[in-house]
Protein backbone atom coordinates (compact mmCIF):
# COMPACT_ATOMS: atom_id res chain seq x y z
CA MET A 1 0.00 0.00 0.00
CA VAL A 2 1.36 3.41 -1.03
CA ARG A 3 -0.12 6.18 1.11
CA ILE A 4 -0.05 9.53 -0.66
CA LEU A 5 -0.85 12.90 0.86
CA ALA A 6 -1.74 15.28 -1.98
CA VAL A 7 -2.36 18.98 -1.45
CA GLY A 8 -3.27 21.75 -3.87
CA THR A 9 -5.58 24.74 -3.80
CA ASN A 10 -7.78 24.12 -6.85
CA PRO A 11 -10.60 21.75 -5.82
CA ASP A 12 -11.44 20.82 -9.42
CA VAL A 13 -7.84 19.90 -10.22
CA MET A 14 -7.41 18.01 -6.97
CA THR A 15 -10.56 15.99 -7.72
CA VAL A 16 -8.91 14.83 -10.94
CA VAL A 17 -5.62 14.13 -9.14
CA GLU A 18 -7.48 12.06 -6.57
CA ARG A 19 -9.26 10.07 -9.27
CA LEU A 20 -5.96 9.38 -11.03
CA LEU A 21 -4.19 8.35 -7.83
CA ARG A 22 -7.06 6.04 -6.87
CA SER A 23 -6.88 4.41 -10.30
CA GLN A 24 -3.54 2.85 -9.38
CA GLU A 25 -3.78 -0.46 -7.57
CA GLY A 26 -2.37 -0.21 -4.06
CA TRP A 27 -2.33 3.59 -3.92
CA MET A 28 -4.30 5.21 -1.10
CA PRO A 29 -4.51 9.00 -1.51
CA THR A 30 -5.55 11.58 1.03
CA VAL A 31 -6.32 14.76 -0.90
CA LEU A 32 -6.54 18.15 0.76
CA ASN A 33 -7.09 21.69 -0.52
CA CYS A 34 -5.36 23.49 2.34
CA ALA A 35 -1.68 23.55 3.27
CA GLU A 36 -2.46 23.93 6.98
CA GLU A 37 -4.60 20.78 6.95
CA ALA A 38 -1.82 18.95 5.13
CA LEU A 39 0.72 20.06 7.75
CA THR A 40 -1.56 18.80 10.49
CA SER A 41 -2.03 15.47 8.71
CA LEU A 42 1.72 15.06 8.25
CA ARG A 43 2.38 15.79 11.90
CA THR A 44 -0.45 13.74 13.40
CA ALA A 45 -1.15 10.91 10.97
CA GLY A 46 2.47 10.82 9.88
CA GLU A 47 2.13 7.60 7.96
CA PHE A 48 2.49 8.73 4.39
CA ASP A 49 4.87 7.36 1.78
CA VAL A 50 4.72 10.40 -0.51
CA LEU A 51 3.77 14.06 -0.22
CA LEU A 52 2.46 15.39 -3.53
CA LEU A 53 2.42 19.18 -3.87
CA GLY A 54 -0.04 20.56 -6.40
CA ALA A 55 -0.49 23.97 -7.94
CA GLY A 56 -1.64 27.04 -6.06
CA LEU A 57 0.36 26.71 -2.87
CA GLU A 58 2.24 29.79 -1.71
CA PRO A 59 6.05 29.46 -1.58
CA HIS A 60 6.03 29.64 2.24
CA GLU A 61 3.41 26.84 2.34
CA GLU A 62 5.51 24.62 0.07
CA SER A 63 8.54 25.34 2.22
CA ALA A 64 6.70 24.46 5.44
CA LEU A 65 5.38 21.23 3.93
CA ASN A 66 8.83 20.26 2.65
CA THR A 67 10.38 20.95 6.04
CA ALA A 68 7.70 18.93 7.86
CA ALA A 69 8.05 15.99 5.45
CA GLU A 70 11.85 15.99 5.75
CA SER A 71 11.73 16.12 9.55
CA LEU A 72 9.71 12.90 9.89
CA VAL A 73 11.44 9.63 10.64
CA PRO A 74 11.75 8.25 8.08
CA PRO A 75 11.47 11.37 5.91
CA VAL A 76 8.56 11.48 3.49
CA PRO A 77 9.66 12.11 -0.09
CA VAL A 78 8.10 15.13 -1.75
CA VAL A 79 7.12 15.47 -5.38
CA ALA A 80 5.80 18.64 -6.98
CA HIS A 81 3.18 18.04 -9.65
CA TYR A 82 1.77 21.05 -11.42
CA GLY A 83 0.17 19.27 -14.37
CA GLY A 84 1.30 17.38 -17.40
CA GLY A 85 -1.02 14.40 -17.45
CA SER A 86 -1.50 11.11 -15.72
CA GLY A 87 1.60 9.44 -17.14
CA LEU A 88 3.81 12.15 -15.69
CA LEU A 89 1.99 12.03 -12.36
CA PHE A 90 2.47 8.27 -12.05
CA ALA A 91 6.14 8.49 -13.10
CA GLU A 92 6.79 11.23 -10.54
CA VAL A 93 5.30 9.18 -7.70
CA TRP A 94 7.12 5.98 -8.72
CA GLY A 95 10.32 8.03 -9.15
CA VAL A 96 10.36 9.31 -5.56
CA LEU A 97 9.58 5.80 -4.34
CA GLY A 98 12.60 4.48 -6.22
CA ARG A 99 10.57 2.06 -8.30
């Protein structure tokens, strides 16, 4: 099971991202539209294999999310996905997982 925390500010885009992530066998996405909620999820749930950053986040939000993901033990790899289609999305996730 690959647990993915995805965050981006455009609800319509994130709905598509969620659908794409769910289409992959063994992938379990949690999709949020708010950086603060994502930070809380990282700190409290803490059991994610990948943090996927979508479009619309402010630079300071991306920085805070990166810092939080890197500070976990083990660190959660971060991938930025701002579009480009499902093939790119899947390749980015598999790439940070080393598969």
